[in-house]
N, C-alpha and C. Protein backbone atom coordinates (compact mmCIF):
# COMPACT_ATOMS: atom_id res chain seq x y z
N MET A 1 204.14 -78.13 10.25
CA MET A 1 202.96 -78.14 11.11
C MET A 1 203.36 -78.44 12.55
N GLN A 2 202.59 -77.89 13.44
CA GLN A 2 202.88 -78.12 14.85
C GLN A 2 202.41 -79.49 15.29
N GLU A 3 203.13 -80.08 16.21
CA GLU A 3 202.76 -81.37 16.78
C GLU A 3 201.81 -81.11 17.95
N LEU A 4 200.70 -81.82 18.01
CA LEU A 4 199.74 -81.66 19.09
C LEU A 4 200.02 -82.70 20.16
N LYS A 5 199.94 -82.29 21.41
CA LYS A 5 200.23 -83.18 22.52
C LYS A 5 198.96 -83.80 23.07
N PRO A 6 199.05 -85.04 23.59
CA PRO A 6 197.88 -85.64 24.23
C PRO A 6 197.35 -84.72 25.33
N GLY A 7 196.02 -84.61 25.38
CA GLY A 7 195.38 -83.74 26.35
C GLY A 7 194.96 -82.40 25.77
N THR A 8 195.46 -82.06 24.57
CA THR A 8 195.08 -80.80 23.92
C THR A 8 193.65 -80.89 23.42
N LYS A 9 192.86 -79.85 23.67
CA LYS A 9 191.48 -79.81 23.17
C LYS A 9 191.49 -79.30 21.73
N VAL A 10 190.74 -79.99 20.86
CA VAL A 10 190.68 -79.62 19.45
C VAL A 10 189.25 -79.68 18.92
N LEU A 11 189.04 -79.01 17.79
CA LEU A 11 187.82 -79.12 17.02
C LEU A 11 188.15 -79.89 15.75
N VAL A 12 187.17 -80.59 15.18
CA VAL A 12 187.37 -81.36 13.95
C VAL A 12 186.55 -80.72 12.83
N GLU A 13 187.21 -80.48 11.71
CA GLU A 13 186.53 -79.89 10.55
C GLU A 13 185.43 -80.83 10.06
N ASN A 14 184.26 -80.27 9.82
CA ASN A 14 183.12 -81.03 9.30
C ASN A 14 183.22 -81.03 7.78
N THR A 15 183.88 -82.05 7.21
CA THR A 15 184.10 -82.09 5.76
C THR A 15 182.80 -82.33 4.98
N GLN A 16 181.82 -82.97 5.60
CA GLN A 16 180.54 -83.20 4.93
C GLN A 16 179.82 -81.89 4.66
N GLN A 17 180.05 -80.90 5.51
CA GLN A 17 179.41 -79.61 5.34
C GLN A 17 179.83 -78.97 4.02
N LYS A 18 181.07 -79.15 3.62
CA LYS A 18 181.56 -78.57 2.37
C LYS A 18 181.02 -79.30 1.14
N GLU A 19 180.81 -80.61 1.27
CA GLU A 19 180.45 -81.44 0.12
C GLU A 19 178.94 -81.52 -0.14
N ARG A 20 178.15 -81.31 0.89
CA ARG A 20 176.71 -81.52 0.77
C ARG A 20 175.98 -80.24 0.37
N LYS A 21 175.11 -80.37 -0.60
CA LYS A 21 174.30 -79.24 -1.03
C LYS A 21 173.26 -78.95 0.04
N GLY A 22 173.07 -77.69 0.34
CA GLY A 22 172.07 -77.30 1.33
C GLY A 22 172.58 -77.35 2.76
N ALA A 23 173.88 -77.53 2.93
CA ALA A 23 174.45 -77.64 4.28
C ALA A 23 175.05 -76.31 4.74
N LYS A 24 174.59 -75.23 4.17
CA LYS A 24 175.16 -73.91 4.46
C LYS A 24 175.11 -73.55 5.95
N TRP A 25 174.08 -73.99 6.64
CA TRP A 25 173.89 -73.60 8.03
C TRP A 25 174.44 -74.61 9.03
N GLU A 26 175.08 -75.66 8.55
CA GLU A 26 175.67 -76.64 9.47
C GLU A 26 176.98 -76.08 10.04
N ASP A 27 177.37 -76.61 11.19
CA ASP A 27 178.60 -76.18 11.84
C ASP A 27 179.81 -76.54 10.97
N LEU A 28 180.80 -75.65 10.95
CA LEU A 28 182.03 -75.91 10.21
C LEU A 28 182.93 -76.88 10.96
N TYR A 29 182.82 -76.91 12.29
CA TYR A 29 183.63 -77.79 13.13
C TYR A 29 182.75 -78.49 14.15
N THR A 30 183.18 -79.69 14.57
CA THR A 30 182.51 -80.41 15.64
C THR A 30 183.47 -80.55 16.81
N GLY A 31 182.93 -80.74 17.97
CA GLY A 31 183.78 -80.91 19.15
C GLY A 31 183.34 -80.03 20.28
N PRO A 32 184.16 -79.83 21.23
CA PRO A 32 185.58 -80.14 21.29
C PRO A 32 185.85 -81.61 21.64
N TYR A 33 187.03 -82.06 21.22
CA TYR A 33 187.54 -83.38 21.54
C TYR A 33 188.90 -83.20 22.21
N ILE A 34 189.44 -84.27 22.74
CA ILE A 34 190.74 -84.24 23.39
C ILE A 34 191.67 -85.18 22.63
N ILE A 35 192.90 -84.72 22.34
CA ILE A 35 193.89 -85.59 21.70
C ILE A 35 194.18 -86.76 22.63
N HIS A 36 193.96 -87.98 22.13
CA HIS A 36 194.21 -89.18 22.92
C HIS A 36 195.63 -89.69 22.68
N GLU A 37 195.98 -89.79 21.39
CA GLU A 37 197.28 -90.38 21.05
C GLU A 37 197.74 -89.86 19.70
N SER A 38 199.05 -89.65 19.57
CA SER A 38 199.66 -89.30 18.30
C SER A 38 200.18 -90.58 17.66
N LEU A 39 199.75 -90.84 16.41
CA LEU A 39 200.16 -92.04 15.71
C LEU A 39 201.32 -91.77 14.75
N GLY A 40 201.82 -90.53 14.75
CA GLY A 40 202.91 -90.16 13.87
C GLY A 40 202.43 -89.60 12.55
N LYS A 41 203.27 -88.81 11.91
CA LYS A 41 203.00 -88.20 10.61
C LYS A 41 201.71 -87.38 10.59
N GLY A 42 201.38 -86.72 11.72
CA GLY A 42 200.22 -85.85 11.77
C GLY A 42 198.89 -86.56 11.89
N VAL A 43 198.88 -87.80 12.35
CA VAL A 43 197.65 -88.57 12.52
C VAL A 43 197.39 -88.78 14.01
N TYR A 44 196.14 -88.57 14.41
CA TYR A 44 195.79 -88.62 15.82
C TYR A 44 194.52 -89.42 16.07
N THR A 45 194.43 -89.98 17.27
CA THR A 45 193.16 -90.52 17.74
C THR A 45 192.65 -89.53 18.79
N LEU A 46 191.33 -89.41 18.86
CA LEU A 46 190.70 -88.44 19.75
C LEU A 46 189.78 -89.14 20.73
N LYS A 47 189.47 -88.45 21.82
CA LYS A 47 188.46 -88.94 22.74
C LYS A 47 187.49 -87.80 23.03
N THR A 48 186.27 -88.18 23.36
CA THR A 48 185.26 -87.19 23.67
C THR A 48 185.55 -86.59 25.04
N MET A 49 184.81 -85.57 25.39
CA MET A 49 185.01 -84.92 26.68
C MET A 49 184.70 -85.84 27.85
N ASP A 50 183.87 -86.87 27.62
CA ASP A 50 183.58 -87.83 28.71
C ASP A 50 184.57 -88.99 28.75
N GLY A 51 185.59 -88.97 27.87
CA GLY A 51 186.65 -89.97 27.92
C GLY A 51 186.53 -91.14 26.96
N THR A 52 185.46 -91.18 26.16
CA THR A 52 185.27 -92.26 25.19
C THR A 52 186.22 -92.06 24.01
N VAL A 53 187.05 -93.06 23.72
CA VAL A 53 188.01 -92.97 22.62
C VAL A 53 187.30 -93.27 21.30
N ARG A 54 187.48 -92.40 20.31
CA ARG A 54 186.89 -92.61 18.99
C ARG A 54 187.78 -93.52 18.16
N LYS A 55 187.18 -94.38 17.36
CA LYS A 55 187.94 -95.32 16.53
C LYS A 55 188.55 -94.65 15.31
N THR A 56 187.93 -93.59 14.83
CA THR A 56 188.39 -92.89 13.64
C THR A 56 189.72 -92.20 13.90
N LYS A 57 190.60 -92.22 12.90
CA LYS A 57 191.87 -91.50 12.97
C LYS A 57 191.71 -90.18 12.21
N PHE A 58 192.32 -89.12 12.73
CA PHE A 58 192.16 -87.79 12.14
C PHE A 58 193.51 -87.21 11.76
N ASN A 59 193.58 -86.62 10.57
CA ASN A 59 194.78 -85.94 10.11
C ASN A 59 194.80 -84.54 10.71
N ILE A 60 195.98 -84.04 10.99
CA ILE A 60 196.14 -82.72 11.60
C ILE A 60 195.52 -81.62 10.75
N LYS A 61 195.41 -81.83 9.44
CA LYS A 61 194.81 -80.83 8.55
C LYS A 61 193.35 -80.57 8.90
N ARG A 62 192.67 -81.54 9.53
CA ARG A 62 191.26 -81.38 9.90
C ARG A 62 191.07 -80.88 11.33
N LEU A 63 192.16 -80.70 12.06
CA LEU A 63 192.07 -80.32 13.46
C LEU A 63 192.41 -78.85 13.67
N LYS A 64 191.72 -78.26 14.63
CA LYS A 64 191.96 -76.87 14.99
C LYS A 64 191.98 -76.81 16.52
N VAL A 65 193.01 -76.20 17.09
CA VAL A 65 193.12 -76.12 18.54
C VAL A 65 191.93 -75.34 19.08
N PHE A 66 191.30 -75.88 20.11
CA PHE A 66 190.12 -75.28 20.73
C PHE A 66 190.56 -74.36 21.86
N THR A 67 190.13 -73.13 21.79
CA THR A 67 190.40 -72.20 22.88
C THR A 67 189.08 -71.70 23.42
N SER A 68 188.90 -71.85 24.71
CA SER A 68 187.66 -71.36 25.32
C SER A 68 187.99 -70.11 26.11
N TYR A 69 186.98 -69.38 26.38
CA TYR A 69 187.18 -68.18 27.18
C TYR A 69 186.10 -68.13 28.24
N CYS A 70 186.42 -67.46 29.29
CA CYS A 70 185.48 -67.30 30.40
C CYS A 70 185.11 -65.83 30.47
N ARG A 71 183.85 -65.59 30.51
CA ARG A 71 183.36 -64.21 30.57
C ARG A 71 183.10 -63.84 32.03
N ILE A 72 183.76 -62.80 32.49
CA ILE A 72 183.60 -62.37 33.87
C ILE A 72 182.71 -61.14 33.89
N VAL A 73 181.68 -61.20 34.71
CA VAL A 73 180.76 -60.09 34.84
C VAL A 73 181.01 -59.41 36.17
N MET A 74 181.33 -58.13 36.12
CA MET A 74 181.57 -57.37 37.34
C MET A 74 180.28 -56.62 37.70
N ARG A 75 179.89 -56.75 38.92
CA ARG A 75 178.69 -56.03 39.36
C ARG A 75 179.09 -55.01 40.41
N ALA A 76 178.46 -53.85 40.33
CA ALA A 76 178.78 -52.77 41.27
C ALA A 76 178.02 -52.92 42.57
């Protein structure tokens, strides 16, 4: 698995969505969050986009790198 660096934007898998009946329309991922710190062995702490550090630790298996795109509209 790839090592994620602090500052990388990620999404977190919503594991409750898979376990809960009737959660078909819930989001598969939450976020984006920012990698705050690597604790080793694929475990990370995250912070929100406003800089608040979350207490929960996340395994890399639940993280997905967030890629955003910018849509450019050309007008004649």
